[in-house]
Protein backbone atom coordinates (compact mmCIF):
# COMPACT_ATOMS: atom_id res chain seq x y z
CA UNK A 1 -46.92 -10.48 96.68
CA UNK A 2 -49.40 -12.12 94.32
CA UNK A 3 -49.03 -15.93 94.42
CA UNK A 4 -48.48 -17.77 91.17
CA UNK A 5 -51.06 -20.24 92.42
CA UNK A 6 -53.55 -19.30 89.73
CA UNK A 7 -51.10 -19.75 86.85
CA UNK A 8 -51.91 -23.34 85.92
CA UNK A 9 -49.31 -23.41 83.17
CA UNK A 10 -46.46 -23.18 85.69
CA UNK A 11 -47.85 -26.11 87.67
CA UNK A 12 -48.21 -27.99 84.38
CA UNK A 13 -44.49 -27.53 83.69
CA UNK A 14 -43.64 -28.82 87.15
CA UNK A 15 -46.01 -31.77 86.70
CA UNK A 16 -44.26 -32.67 83.44
CA UNK A 17 -40.89 -32.53 85.20
CA UNK A 18 -42.14 -34.76 87.99
CA UNK A 19 -43.74 -37.17 85.55
CA UNK A 20 -40.56 -37.44 83.50
CA UNK A 21 -38.33 -38.12 86.51
CA UNK A 22 -40.56 -40.51 88.39
CA UNK A 23 -41.99 -42.51 85.48
CA UNK A 24 -38.49 -42.97 84.13
CA UNK A 25 -36.93 -43.98 87.47
CA UNK A 26 -39.54 -45.55 89.68
CA UNK A 27 -42.91 -46.30 88.14
CA UNK A 28 -44.89 -46.40 84.94
CA UNK A 29 -47.87 -44.69 86.58
CA UNK A 30 -48.53 -40.97 86.35
CA UNK A 31 -47.08 -39.10 89.35
CA UNK A 32 -48.29 -35.61 90.28
CA UNK A 33 -47.13 -32.80 92.54
CA UNK A 34 -49.68 -33.65 95.24
CA UNK A 35 -48.47 -37.27 95.28
CA UNK A 36 -45.00 -36.19 96.38
CA UNK A 37 -45.72 -33.07 98.41
CA UNK A 38 -48.36 -34.43 100.78
CA UNK A 39 -47.08 -33.05 104.08
CA UNK A 40 -48.09 -29.61 105.35
CA UNK A 41 -44.76 -27.76 105.38
CA UNK A 42 -46.32 -24.57 106.70
CA UNK A 43 -49.26 -24.34 109.08
CA UNK A 44 -51.17 -21.90 106.89
CA UNK A 45 -50.09 -22.56 103.30
CA UNK A 46 -50.09 -25.41 100.85
CA UNK A 47 -46.66 -26.48 99.67
CA UNK A 48 -47.31 -25.16 96.14
CA UNK A 49 -48.07 -21.63 97.39
CA UNK A 50 -45.10 -21.80 99.78
CA UNK A 51 -42.73 -22.66 96.92
CA UNK A 52 -44.14 -20.04 94.56
CA UNK A 53 -43.81 -17.28 97.15
CA UNK A 54 -40.10 -18.07 97.29
CA UNK A 55 -39.69 -17.54 93.57
CA UNK A 56 -39.45 -14.46 91.39
CA UNK A 57 -42.58 -15.74 89.66
CA UNK A 58 -40.50 -17.54 87.06
CA UNK A 59 -41.12 -21.20 86.19
CA UNK A 60 -37.39 -21.97 86.35
CA UNK A 61 -37.26 -20.82 90.00
CA UNK A 62 -40.12 -23.10 90.98
CA UNK A 63 -38.65 -26.05 89.08
CA UNK A 64 -35.25 -25.45 90.71
CA UNK A 65 -36.83 -25.57 94.19
CA UNK A 66 -38.66 -28.78 93.29
CA UNK A 67 -35.45 -30.30 91.90
CA UNK A 68 -33.63 -29.51 95.15
CA UNK A 69 -36.45 -31.28 96.99
CA UNK A 70 -35.89 -34.36 94.81
CA UNK A 71 -32.14 -34.29 95.46
CA UNK A 72 -32.59 -33.86 99.20
CA UNK A 73 -35.18 -36.64 99.41
CA UNK A 74 -32.83 -39.04 97.57
CA UNK A 75 -35.47 -40.99 95.70
CA UNK A 76 -38.09 -41.24 98.44
CA UNK A 77 -41.69 -41.67 97.34
CA UNK A 78 -42.72 -38.59 99.33
CA UNK A 79 -41.03 -35.31 100.27
CA UNK A 80 -40.87 -35.14 104.06
CA UNK A 81 -40.99 -31.92 106.04
CA UNK A 82 -37.30 -32.28 106.84
CA UNK A 83 -36.46 -32.84 103.16
CA UNK A 84 -38.52 -29.81 102.20
CA UNK A 85 -36.86 -27.53 104.75
CA UNK A 86 -33.37 -28.76 103.86
CA UNK A 87 -34.10 -28.14 100.19
CA UNK A 88 -35.31 -24.63 101.03
CA UNK A 89 -31.92 -23.81 102.57
CA UNK A 90 -30.09 -25.08 99.49
CA UNK A 91 -32.48 -23.18 97.23
CA UNK A 92 -32.15 -19.96 99.26
CA UNK A 93 -28.35 -20.10 99.14
CA UNK A 94 -28.55 -20.76 95.41
CA UNK A 95 -30.80 -17.74 94.85
CA UNK A 96 -28.42 -15.48 96.78
CA UNK A 97 -25.45 -16.71 94.75
CA UNK A 98 -27.44 -16.19 91.54
CA UNK A 99 -28.24 -12.57 92.45
CA UNK A 100 -24.59 -11.85 93.21
CA UNK A 101 -23.44 -13.50 89.98
CA UNK A 102 -26.05 -11.69 87.89
CA UNK A 103 -25.54 -8.22 89.33
CA UNK A 104 -21.81 -8.09 90.17
CA UNK A 105 -20.86 -6.85 86.67
CA UNK A 106 -23.24 -3.90 87.18
CA UNK A 107 -22.72 -3.38 90.93
CA UNK A 108 -19.32 -4.81 91.99
CA UNK A 109 -20.25 -4.23 95.63
CA UNK A 110 -23.60 -5.99 95.46
CA UNK A 111 -22.55 -8.87 97.74
CA UNK A 112 -21.70 -6.37 100.48
CA UNK A 113 -24.99 -4.53 100.02
CA UNK A 114 -27.00 -7.75 100.03
CA UNK A 115 -25.26 -8.88 103.20
CA UNK A 116 -26.79 -5.88 104.99
CA UNK A 117 -29.96 -8.00 105.10
CA UNK A 118 -28.29 -10.84 106.97
CA UNK A 119 -29.63 -11.75 110.43
CA UNK A 120 -32.30 -9.08 110.27
CA UNK A 121 -36.04 -9.22 110.79
CA UNK A 122 -37.89 -9.86 107.53
CA UNK A 123 -39.71 -6.54 107.87
CA UNK A 124 -38.17 -3.19 108.87
CA UNK A 125 -38.07 0.56 108.16
CA UNK A 126 -35.54 2.36 105.97
CA UNK A 127 -34.97 4.79 108.83
CA UNK A 128 -33.12 1.98 110.67
CA UNK A 129 -30.20 2.64 108.31
CA UNK A 130 -30.41 6.42 108.03
CA UNK A 131 -27.61 7.43 110.37
CA UNK A 132 -23.96 8.40 110.03
CA UNK A 133 -22.68 5.38 111.98
CA UNK A 134 -24.14 3.05 109.34
CA UNK A 135 -22.30 4.92 106.57
CA UNK A 136 -19.04 4.73 108.49
CA UNK A 137 -19.40 1.00 109.18
CA UNK A 138 -20.15 0.27 105.53
CA UNK A 139 -17.16 2.39 104.48
CA UNK A 140 -14.86 0.11 106.48
CA UNK A 141 -16.27 -2.99 104.75
CA UNK A 142 -15.85 -1.47 101.28
CA UNK A 143 -12.33 -0.31 102.17
CA UNK A 144 -11.33 -3.95 102.78
CA UNK A 145 -12.67 -5.15 99.42
CA UNK A 146 -10.66 -4.01 96.42
CA UNK A 147 -13.16 -5.35 93.87
CA UNK A 148 -16.04 -3.52 95.55
CA UNK A 149 -14.16 -0.24 95.25
CA UNK A 150 -14.85 -0.31 91.52
CA UNK A 151 -18.50 0.19 92.44
CA UNK A 152 -19.97 3.68 92.14
CA UNK A 153 -21.10 3.21 95.73
CA UNK A 154 -17.48 3.53 96.90
CA UNK A 155 -17.34 7.09 95.57
CA UNK A 156 -20.62 7.89 97.33
CA UNK A 157 -19.25 6.44 100.57
CA UNK A 158 -16.01 8.44 100.29
CA UNK A 159 -17.95 11.66 99.71
CA UNK A 160 -20.17 10.87 102.70
CA UNK A 161 -17.22 10.24 105.02
CA UNK A 162 -15.48 13.43 103.86
CA UNK A 163 -18.64 15.48 104.30
CA UNK A 164 -17.90 15.92 108.02
CA UNK A 165 -21.51 15.88 109.16
CA UNK A 166 -23.05 17.71 106.20
CA UNK A 167 -23.96 14.51 104.35
CA UNK A 168 -27.60 13.44 104.40
CA UNK A 169 -27.78 9.71 105.36
CA UNK A 170 -31.16 9.49 103.60
CA UNK A 171 -29.53 10.08 100.22
CA UNK A 172 -27.16 7.22 100.99
CA UNK A 173 -30.02 4.93 102.03
CA UNK A 174 -31.90 5.77 98.88
CA UNK A 175 -29.02 4.43 96.80
CA UNK A 176 -28.74 1.28 98.92
CA UNK A 177 -32.42 0.38 98.86
CA UNK A 178 -32.92 1.40 95.26
CA UNK A 179 -30.36 -1.28 94.43
CA UNK A 180 -31.79 -3.90 96.78
CA UNK A 181 -35.21 -3.28 95.26
CA UNK A 182 -33.87 -3.33 91.69
CA UNK A 183 -32.23 -6.76 92.11
CA UNK A 184 -35.39 -8.20 93.69
CA UNK A 185 -34.03 -8.70 97.21
CA UNK A 186 -36.59 -6.46 98.91
CA UNK A 187 -40.08 -5.13 98.40
CA UNK A 188 -40.81 -1.52 99.35
CA UNK A 189 -43.88 0.13 100.81
CA UNK A 190 -43.70 3.90 100.38
CA UNK A 191 -46.51 4.77 102.78
CA UNK A 192 -49.07 3.12 105.04
CA UNK A 193 -51.71 3.52 102.33
CA UNK A 194 -49.64 2.18 99.44
CA UNK A 195 -49.22 -1.43 98.33
CA UNK A 196 -45.98 -3.40 98.53
CA UNK A 197 -43.92 -2.84 95.40
CA UNK A 198 -41.90 -5.73 93.94
CA UNK A 199 -39.82 -5.11 90.85
CA UNK A 200 -40.26 -8.69 89.59
CA UNK A 201 -44.02 -8.11 89.47
CA UNK A 202 -44.08 -4.58 88.05
CA UNK A 203 -40.79 -4.71 86.07
CA UNK A 204 -40.40 -1.07 87.05
CA UNK A 205 -38.15 -0.01 89.96
CA UNK A 206 -39.28 2.70 92.35
CA UNK A 207 -37.51 6.05 91.72
CA UNK A 208 -34.82 6.80 94.29
CA UNK A 209 -36.39 10.08 95.34
CA UNK A 210 -39.62 8.29 96.25
CA UNK A 211 -37.80 6.47 99.08
CA UNK A 212 -38.14 8.31 102.41
CA UNK A 213 -37.62 7.58 106.10
CA UNK A 214 -41.27 6.46 106.18
CA UNK A 215 -40.60 3.75 103.59
CA UNK A 216 -40.83 0.18 104.86
CA UNK A 217 -38.93 -2.78 103.43
CA UNK A 218 -39.46 -6.52 103.47
CA UNK A 219 -36.91 -9.13 102.46
CA UNK A 220 -37.96 -11.51 99.72
CA UNK A 221 -38.83 -14.94 101.21
CA UNK A 222 -36.47 -16.68 98.80
CA UNK A 223 -33.56 -15.21 100.80
CA UNK A 224 -34.80 -15.79 104.36
CA UNK A 225 -32.95 -19.06 104.92
CA UNK A 226 -29.73 -17.81 103.32
CA UNK A 227 -29.73 -14.71 105.52
CA UNK A 228 -31.15 -16.46 108.60
CA UNK A 229 -33.84 -13.80 108.86
CA UNK A 230 -36.32 -13.66 111.71
CA UNK A 231 -39.88 -13.84 110.44
CA UNK A 232 -41.91 -10.97 111.88
CA UNK A 233 -45.58 -10.84 112.79
CA UNK A 234 -46.31 -8.96 109.53
CA UNK A 235 -45.49 -12.18 107.67
CA UNK A 236 -47.08 -14.53 110.16
CA UNK A 237 -50.47 -12.81 110.05
């Protein structure tokens, strides 16, 4: 993921927001991002980079995160580490709800599909899902959700269950991860030599047939707190 750190215009928008709020409420002096976000919230990254990496590279995402920090800090002159982390949880939940709201008209079962990422490691292989048991378990979840059965995925699941062993789980996984990639929930790496592919950066989803059992996936950092994901060494390095 390419940080938005170099895009000064986004930081300028955030600075204007900060200036408006703090000059109006607390002081007549100019207040800047670095004045409020002084603490190191991550051992390796500045707070600005940390926030940007949890956005879809849109100014409104960054501003929303910053606004949640303000709300959590309740008028303090500095955003503490605890305030920052609490705001991240609120922001992450908000981003998940926004994805579901945005994509439910297109994919009525999107909340179920997104929930497949819950309590997982942030980095994994598609092959983890490519087995018949996974299809059967997902079929039970869809069967209990009437709204989700309007999703095209329900027909795919029914065909898979009726296939009696002749269904290829990879075809099923391709549909699942094509959707997760399309909505921006995951990045995909097609091979060890290829770069990570994020649809919000390229604006072009990976074709379904390009997804194989060798494909790796990583959950977008904006969703880690909502899904209670375990950060893997690939992200810590």
